[in-house]
PDB file of N, CA and C in Angstrom:
ATOM      1  N   MET A   1       0.848  -1.178   0.000  1.00  0.00           N
ATOM      2  CA  MET A   1       0.000   0.000   0.000  1.00  0.00           C
ATOM      3  C   MET A   1       0.894   1.242   0.000  1.00  0.00           C
ATOM      4  N   ALA A   2       0.614   2.199  -0.862  1.00  0.00           N
ATOM      5  CA  ALA A   2       1.419   3.413  -0.978  1.00  0.00           C
ATOM      6  C   ALA A   2       1.134   4.346   0.190  1.00  0.00           C
ATOM      7  N   GLU A   3       2.172   5.046   0.623  1.00  0.00           N
ATOM      8  CA  GLU A   3       2.039   5.998   1.717  1.00  0.00           C
ATOM      9  C   GLU A   3       1.301   7.232   1.220  1.00  0.00           C
ATOM     10  N   ARG A   4       0.318   7.668   1.974  1.00  0.00           N
ATOM     11  CA  ARG A   4      -0.434   8.858   1.598  1.00  0.00           C
ATOM     12  C   ARG A   4       0.289  10.087   2.121  1.00  0.00           C
ATOM     13  N   ILE A   5       0.555  11.026   1.246  1.00  0.00           N
ATOM     14  CA  ILE A   5       1.246  12.250   1.638  1.00  0.00           C
ATOM     15  C   ILE A   5       0.246  13.394   1.598  1.00  0.00           C
ATOM     16  N   GLU A   6       0.119  14.099   2.724  1.00  0.00           N
ATOM     17  CA  GLU A   6      -0.798  15.214   2.822  1.00  0.00           C
ATOM     18  C   GLU A   6      -0.246  16.407   2.039  1.00  0.00           C
ATOM     19  N   PRO A   7      -1.110  17.188   1.418  1.00  0.00           N
ATOM     20  CA  PRO A   7      -0.639  18.388   0.722  1.00  0.00           C
ATOM     21  C   PRO A   7      -0.077  19.388   1.733  1.00  0.00           C
ATOM     22  N   ARG A   8       0.885  20.169   1.277  1.00  0.00           N
ATOM     23  CA  ARG A   8       1.484  21.180   2.163  1.00  0.00           C
ATOM     24  C   ARG A   8       0.464  22.242   2.522  1.00  0.00           C
ATOM     25  N   ARG A   9       0.561  22.707   3.744  1.00  0.00           N
ATOM     26  CA  ARG A   9      -0.299  23.797   4.195  1.00  0.00           C
ATOM     27  C   ARG A   9       0.237  25.097   3.617  1.00  0.00           C
ATOM     28  N   PRO A  10      -0.599  26.128   3.580  1.00  0.00           N
ATOM     29  CA  PRO A  10      -0.108  27.424   3.107  1.00  0.00           C
ATOM     30  C   PRO A  10       1.060  27.886   3.973  1.00  0.00           C
ATOM     31  N   ARG A  11       1.992  28.583   3.360  1.00  0.00           N
ATOM     32  CA  ARG A  11       3.167  29.061   4.105  1.00  0.00           C
ATOM     33  C   ARG A  11       2.761  30.067   5.160  1.00  0.00           C
ATOM     34  N   ARG A  12       3.421  29.958   6.301  1.00  0.00           N
ATOM     35  CA  ARG A  12       3.207  30.903   7.380  1.00  0.00           C
ATOM     36  C   ARG A  12       4.393  31.838   7.446  1.00  0.00           C
ATOM     37  N   SER A  13       4.170  33.016   7.951  1.00  0.00           N
ATOM     38  CA  SER A  13       5.292  33.936   8.092  1.00  0.00           C
ATOM     39  C   SER A  13       6.124  33.511   9.298  1.00  0.00           C
ATOM     40  N   ILE A  14       7.372  33.887   9.298  1.00  0.00           N
ATOM     41  CA  ILE A  14       8.254  33.565  10.413  1.00  0.00           C
ATOM     42  C   ILE A  14       7.743  34.233  11.683  1.00  0.00           C
ATOM     43  N   GLY A  15       7.209  35.431  11.553  1.00  0.00           N
ATOM     44  CA  GLY A  15       6.677  36.137  12.716  1.00  0.00           C
ATOM     45  C   GLY A  15       5.607  35.347  13.439  1.00  0.00           C
ATOM     46  N   ALA A  16       4.761  34.653  12.706  1.00  0.00           N
ATOM     47  CA  ALA A  16       3.699  33.865  13.322  1.00  0.00           C
ATOM     48  C   ALA A  16       4.259  32.683  14.088  1.00  0.00           C
ATOM     49  N   MET A  17       5.461  32.267  13.747  1.00  0.00           N
ATOM     50  CA  MET A  17       6.064  31.113  14.400  1.00  0.00           C
ATOM     51  C   MET A  17       6.892  31.508  15.621  1.00  0.00           C
ATOM     52  N   SER A  18       7.070  32.800  15.832  1.00  0.00           N
ATOM     53  CA  SER A  18       7.931  33.229  16.926  1.00  0.00           C
ATOM     54  C   SER A  18       7.187  34.124  17.905  1.00  0.00           C
ATOM     55  N   GLU A  19       5.983  33.734  18.262  1.00  0.00           N
ATOM     56  CA  GLU A  19       5.186  34.517  19.186  1.00  0.00           C
ATOM     57  C   GLU A  19       5.899  34.642  20.523  1.00  0.00           C
ATOM     58  N   GLY A  20       5.732  35.789  21.133  1.00  0.00           N
ATOM     59  CA  GLY A  20       6.340  35.998  22.442  1.00  0.00           C
ATOM     60  C   GLY A  20       7.763  36.522  22.379  1.00  0.00           C
ATOM     61  N   THR A  21       8.285  36.728  21.190  1.00  0.00           N
ATOM     62  CA  THR A  21       9.627  37.291  21.067  1.00  0.00           C
ATOM     63  C   THR A  21       9.510  38.714  20.562  1.00  0.00           C
ATOM     64  N   GLU A  22      10.520  39.500  20.842  1.00  0.00           N
ATOM     65  CA  GLU A  22      10.519  40.883  20.381  1.00  0.00           C
ATOM     66  C   GLU A  22      10.709  40.907  18.871  1.00  0.00           C
ATOM     67  N   ARG A  23       9.850  41.611  18.188  1.00  0.00           N
ATOM     68  CA  ARG A  23       9.928  41.677  16.733  1.00  0.00           C
ATOM     69  C   ARG A  23      10.736  42.897  16.311  1.00  0.00           C
ATOM     70  N   VAL A  24      11.516  42.721  15.275  1.00  0.00           N
ATOM     71  CA  VAL A  24      12.272  43.818  14.694  1.00  0.00           C
ATOM     72  C   VAL A  24      11.634  44.127  13.347  1.00  0.00           C
ATOM     73  N   PRO A  25      11.160  45.361  13.152  1.00  0.00           N
ATOM     74  CA  PRO A  25      10.569  45.696  11.853  1.00  0.00           C
ATOM     75  C   PRO A  25      11.572  45.461  10.727  1.00  0.00           C
ATOM     76  N   ALA A  26      11.056  45.059   9.567  1.00  0.00           N
ATOM     77  CA  ALA A  26      11.920  44.726   8.434  1.00  0.00           C
ATOM     78  C   ALA A  26      12.857  45.869   8.078  1.00  0.00           C
ATOM     79  N   ASP A  27      12.392  47.110   8.200  1.00  0.00           N
ATOM     80  CA  ASP A  27      13.257  48.224   7.835  1.00  0.00           C
ATOM     81  C   ASP A  27      14.330  48.492   8.892  1.00  0.00           C
ATOM     82  N   ASP A  28      14.243  47.869  10.059  1.00  0.00           N
ATOM     83  CA  ASP A  28      15.256  48.021  11.107  1.00  0.00           C
ATOM     84  C   ASP A  28      16.342  46.950  11.026  1.00  0.00           C
ATOM     85  N   LEU A  29      16.220  45.990  10.115  1.00  0.00           N
ATOM     86  CA  LEU A  29      17.231  44.939  10.000  1.00  0.00           C
ATOM     87  C   LEU A  29      18.595  45.519   9.633  1.00  0.00           C
ATOM     88  N   GLU A  30      18.606  46.600   8.879  1.00  0.00           N
ATOM     89  CA  GLU A  30      19.866  47.233   8.509  1.00  0.00           C
ATOM     90  C   GLU A  30      20.601  47.763   9.744  1.00  0.00           C
ATOM     91  N   SER A  31      19.838  48.169  10.752  1.00  0.00           N
ATOM     92  CA  SER A  31      20.457  48.723  11.959  1.00  0.00           C
ATOM     93  C   SER A  31      21.120  47.653  12.825  1.00  0.00           C
ATOM     94  N   LEU A  32      20.896  46.372  12.513  1.00  0.00           N
ATOM     95  CA  LEU A  32      21.489  45.296  13.301  1.00  0.00           C
ATOM     96  C   LEU A  32      22.959  45.081  12.980  1.00  0.00           C
ATOM     97  N   ASP A  33      23.443  45.684  11.901  1.00  0.00           N
ATOM     98  CA  ASP A  33      24.853  45.606  11.529  1.00  0.00           C
ATOM     99  C   ASP A  33      25.338  44.152  11.421  1.00  0.00           C
ATOM    100  N   LEU A  34      24.645  43.357  10.593  1.00  0.00           N
ATOM    101  CA  LEU A  34      24.979  41.950  10.398  1.00  0.00           C
ATOM    102  C   LEU A  34      26.000  41.796   9.279  1.00  0.00           C
ATOM    103  N   THR A  35      26.856  40.800   9.419  1.00  0.00           N
ATOM    104  CA  THR A  35      27.794  40.490   8.344  1.00  0.00           C
ATOM    105  C   THR A  35      27.051  39.732   7.250  1.00  0.00           C
ATOM    106  N   ASP A  36      27.658  39.621   6.084  1.00  0.00           N
ATOM    107  CA  ASP A  36      27.045  38.852   4.994  1.00  0.00           C
ATOM    108  C   ASP A  36      26.835  37.399   5.411  1.00  0.00           C
ATOM    109  N   GLU A  37      27.790  36.861   6.168  1.00  0.00           N
ATOM    110  CA  GLU A  37      27.677  35.480   6.647  1.00  0.00           C
ATOM    111  C   GLU A  37      26.485  35.314   7.588  1.00  0.00           C
ATOM    112  N   GLU A  38      26.289  36.280   8.487  1.00  0.00           N
ATOM    113  CA  GLU A  38      25.153  36.225   9.411  1.00  0.00           C
ATOM    114  C   GLU A  38      23.829  36.352   8.664  1.00  0.00           C
ATOM    115  N   ARG A  39      23.791  37.209   7.659  1.00  0.00           N
ATOM    116  CA  ARG A  39      22.582  37.351   6.843  1.00  0.00           C
ATOM    117  C   ARG A  39      22.267  36.043   6.111  1.00  0.00           C
ATOM    118  N   ALA A  40      23.294  35.364   5.615  1.00  0.00           N
ATOM    119  CA  ALA A  40      23.095  34.092   4.913  1.00  0.00           C
ATOM    120  C   ALA A  40      22.529  33.041   5.862  1.00  0.00           C
ATOM    121  N   VAL A  41      23.033  33.000   7.096  1.00  0.00           N
ATOM    122  CA  VAL A  41      22.526  32.042   8.089  1.00  0.00           C
ATOM    123  C   VAL A  41      21.062  32.336   8.388  1.00  0.00           C
ATOM    124  N   LEU A  42      20.728  33.601   8.603  1.00  0.00           N
ATOM    125  CA  LEU A  42      19.339  33.965   8.896  1.00  0.00           C
ATOM    126  C   LEU A  42      18.418  33.644   7.719  1.00  0.00           C
ATOM    127  N   ALA A  43      18.896  33.861   6.511  1.00  0.00           N
ATOM    128  CA  ALA A  43      18.089  33.544   5.332  1.00  0.00           C
ATOM    129  C   ALA A  43      17.831  32.038   5.244  1.00  0.00           C
ATOM    130  N   LYS A  44      18.854  31.239   5.522  1.00  0.00           N
ATOM    131  CA  LYS A  44      18.702  29.782   5.469  1.00  0.00           C
ATOM    132  C   LYS A  44      17.739  29.308   6.558  1.00  0.00           C
ATOM    133  N   VAL A  45      17.876  29.840   7.767  1.00  0.00           N
ATOM    134  CA  VAL A  45      16.969  29.467   8.862  1.00  0.00           C
ATOM    135  C   VAL A  45      15.538  29.872   8.509  1.00  0.00           C
ATOM    136  N   GLY A  46      15.366  31.054   7.945  1.00  0.00           N
ATOM    137  CA  GLY A  46      14.037  31.499   7.529  1.00  0.00           C
ATOM    138  C   GLY A  46      13.415  30.567   6.504  1.00  0.00           C
ATOM    139  N   ALA A  47      14.205  30.135   5.532  1.00  0.00           N
ATOM    140  CA  ALA A  47      13.709  29.209   4.502  1.00  0.00           C
ATOM    141  C   ALA A  47      13.292  27.882   5.129  1.00  0.00           C
ATOM    142  N   ILE A  48      14.061  27.412   6.094  1.00  0.00           N
ATOM    143  CA  ILE A  48      13.727  26.146   6.768  1.00  0.00           C
ATOM    144  C   ILE A  48      12.442  26.303   7.576  1.00  0.00           C
ATOM    145  N   LEU A  49      12.298  27.405   8.308  1.00  0.00           N
ATOM    146  CA  LEU A  49      11.101  27.619   9.128  1.00  0.00           C
ATOM    147  C   LEU A  49       9.844  27.704   8.274  1.00  0.00           C
ATOM    148  N   ARG A  50       9.939  28.315   7.096  1.00  0.00           N
ATOM    149  CA  ARG A  50       8.774  28.392   6.216  1.00  0.00           C
ATOM    150  C   ARG A  50       8.402  27.024   5.660  1.00  0.00           C
ATOM    151  N   ARG A  51       9.353  26.124   5.554  1.00  0.00           N
ATOM    152  CA  ARG A  51       9.111  24.797   4.994  1.00  0.00           C
ATOM    153  C   ARG A  51       8.495  23.831   6.005  1.00  0.00           C
ATOM    154  N   LEU A  52       8.889  23.941   7.264  1.00  0.00           N
ATOM    155  CA  LEU A  52       8.474  22.985   8.286  1.00  0.00           C
ATOM    156  C   LEU A  52       7.066  23.248   8.798  1.00  0.00           C
ATOM    157  N   SER A  53       6.303  22.172   8.988  1.00  0.00           N
ATOM    158  CA  SER A  53       5.043  22.265   9.726  1.00  0.00           C
ATOM    159  C   SER A  53       5.276  21.825  11.168  1.00  0.00           C
ATOM    160  N   PHE A  54       6.039  20.744  11.329  1.00  0.00           N
ATOM    161  CA  PHE A  54       6.413  20.226  12.644  1.00  0.00           C
ATOM    162  C   PHE A  54       7.870  19.795  12.559  1.00  0.00           C
ATOM    163  N   GLY A  55       8.655  20.065  13.572  1.00  0.00           N
ATOM    164  CA  GLY A  55      10.040  19.609  13.559  1.00  0.00           C
ATOM    165  C   GLY A  55      10.930  20.478  14.420  1.00  0.00           C
ATOM    166  N   THR A  56      12.230  20.302  14.220  1.00  0.00           N
ATOM    167  CA  THR A  56      13.220  21.057  14.977  1.00  0.00           C
ATOM    168  C   THR A  56      14.289  21.614  14.042  1.00  0.00           C
ATOM    169  N   VAL A  57      14.845  22.747  14.464  1.00  0.00           N
ATOM    170  CA  VAL A  57      15.982  23.350  13.776  1.00  0.00           C
ATOM    171  C   VAL A  57      17.044  23.572  14.834  1.00  0.00           C
ATOM    172  N   VAL A  58      18.256  23.071  14.571  1.00  0.00           N
ATOM    173  CA  VAL A  58      19.353  23.191  15.530  1.00  0.00           C
ATOM    174  C   VAL A  58      20.500  23.920  14.850  1.00  0.00           C
ATOM    175  N   LEU A  59      21.018  24.950  15.508  1.00  0.00           N
ATOM    176  CA  LEU A  59      22.208  25.642  15.028  1.00  0.00           C
ATOM    177  C   LEU A  59      23.401  25.157  15.837  1.00  0.00           C
ATOM    178  N   VAL A  60      24.430  24.678  15.159  1.00  0.00           N
ATOM    179  CA  VAL A  60      25.652  24.235  15.819  1.00  0.00           C
ATOM    180  C   VAL A  60      26.657  25.385  15.701  1.00  0.00           C
ATOM    181  N   VAL A  61      27.157  25.846  16.849  1.00  0.00           N
ATOM    182  CA  VAL A  61      28.035  27.017  16.895  1.00  0.00           C
ATOM    183  C   VAL A  61      29.395  26.623  17.431  1.00  0.00           C
ATOM    184  N   GLN A  62      30.436  27.081  16.768  1.00  0.00           N
ATOM    185  CA  GLN A  62      31.814  26.905  17.246  1.00  0.00           C
ATOM    186  C   GLN A  62      32.521  28.244  17.136  1.00  0.00           C
ATOM    187  N   ASP A  63      33.177  28.647  18.189  1.00  0.00           N
ATOM    188  CA  ASP A  63      33.901  29.923  18.225  1.00  0.00           C
ATOM    189  C   ASP A  63      33.028  31.102  17.798  1.00  0.00           C
ATOM    190  N   GLY A  64      31.768  31.075  18.218  1.00  0.00           N
ATOM    191  CA  GLY A  64      30.867  32.179  17.932  1.00  0.00           C
ATOM    192  C   GLY A  64      30.319  32.215  16.521  1.00  0.00           C
ATOM    193  N   LYS A  65      30.545  31.189  15.727  1.00  0.00           N
ATOM    194  CA  LYS A  65      30.073  31.133  14.337  1.00  0.00           C
ATOM    195  C   LYS A  65      29.189  29.903  14.141  1.00  0.00           C
ATOM    196  N   VAL A  66      28.126  30.056  13.391  1.00  0.00           N
ATOM    197  CA  VAL A  66      27.275  28.920  13.045  1.00  0.00           C
ATOM    198  C   VAL A  66      28.021  28.098  12.007  1.00  0.00           C
ATOM    199  N   VAL A  67      28.294  26.837  12.350  1.00  0.00           N
ATOM    200  CA  VAL A  67      29.039  25.965  11.442  1.00  0.00           C
ATOM    201  C   VAL A  67      28.149  24.893  10.822  1.00  0.00           C
ATOM    202  N   GLN A  68      26.933  24.737  11.362  1.00  0.00           N
ATOM    203  CA  GLN A  68      26.053  23.692  10.847  1.00  0.00           C
ATOM    204  C   GLN A  68      24.617  24.012  11.231  1.00  0.00           C
ATOM    205  N   ILE A  69      23.696  23.723  10.326  1.00  0.00           N
ATOM    206  CA  ILE A  69      22.270  23.848  10.604  1.00  0.00           C
ATOM    207  C   ILE A  69      21.656  22.470  10.390  1.00  0.00           C
ATOM    208  N   GLU A  70      20.978  21.964  11.424  1.00  0.00           N
ATOM    209  CA  GLU A  70      20.332  20.661  11.348  1.00  0.00           C
ATOM    210  C   GLU A  70      18.829  20.850  11.372  1.00  0.00           C
ATOM    211  N   MET A  71      18.134  20.086  10.544  1.00  0.00           N
ATOM    212  CA  MET A  71      16.688  20.163  10.474  1.00  0.00           C
ATOM    213  C   MET A  71      16.123  18.758  10.579  1.00  0.00           C
ATOM    214  N   ALA A  72      15.119  18.592  11.422  1.00  0.00           N
ATOM    215  CA  ALA A  72      14.415  17.315  11.516  1.00  0.00           C
ATOM    216  C   ALA A  72      12.930  17.601  11.318  1.00  0.00           C
ATOM    217  N   GLU A  73      12.363  17.010  10.303  1.00  0.00           N
ATOM    218  CA  GLU A  73      10.956  17.214  10.011  1.00  0.00           C
ATOM    219  C   GLU A  73      10.139  16.065  10.592  1.00  0.00           C
ATOM    220  N   LYS A  74       9.037  16.404  11.229  1.00  0.00           N
ATOM    221  CA  LYS A  74       8.146  15.412  11.831  1.00  0.00           C
ATOM    222  C   LYS A  74       6.889  15.319  10.980  1.00  0.00           C
ATOM    223  N   PHE A  75       6.334  14.131  10.873  1.00  0.00           N
ATOM    224  CA  PHE A  75       5.084  13.936  10.168  1.00  0.00           C
ATOM    225  C   PHE A  75       4.069  13.395  11.139  1.00  0.00           C
ATOM    226  N   ARG A  76       2.933  14.080  11.266  1.00  0.00           N
ATOM    227  CA  ARG A  76       1.868  13.646  12.160  1.00  0.00           C
ATOM    228  C   ARG A  76       1.019  12.612  11.443  1.00  0.00           C
ATOM    229  N   LEU A  77       0.826  11.473  12.070  1.00  0.00           N
ATOM    230  CA  LEU A  77       0.008  10.412  11.505  1.00  0.00           C
ATOM    231  C   LEU A  77      -1.300  10.354  12.271  1.00  0.00           C
ATOM    232  N   ARG A  78      -2.346  10.930  11.714  1.00  0.00           N
ATOM    233  CA  ARG A  78      -3.641  10.948  12.391  1.00  0.00           C
ATOM    234  C   ARG A  78      -4.663  10.278  11.548  1.00  0.00           C
TER     235      ARG A  78
END
């Protein structure tokens, strides 16, 4: 029997997934003085968060730098 795959839900904004945290308006991101590397990490994390419905995202940091991003996706069987 073939596994039934549910259609993806509509994409949610990252803001909706981070309730209870202080929000930075999009036009204030420039004031954060991020390096290109930091911007790339945030962009990758954002892309992962928009893709996941259930799961975990882990940032592995060494010497103050993100060296690895791990993603585990969960599937609810109901």
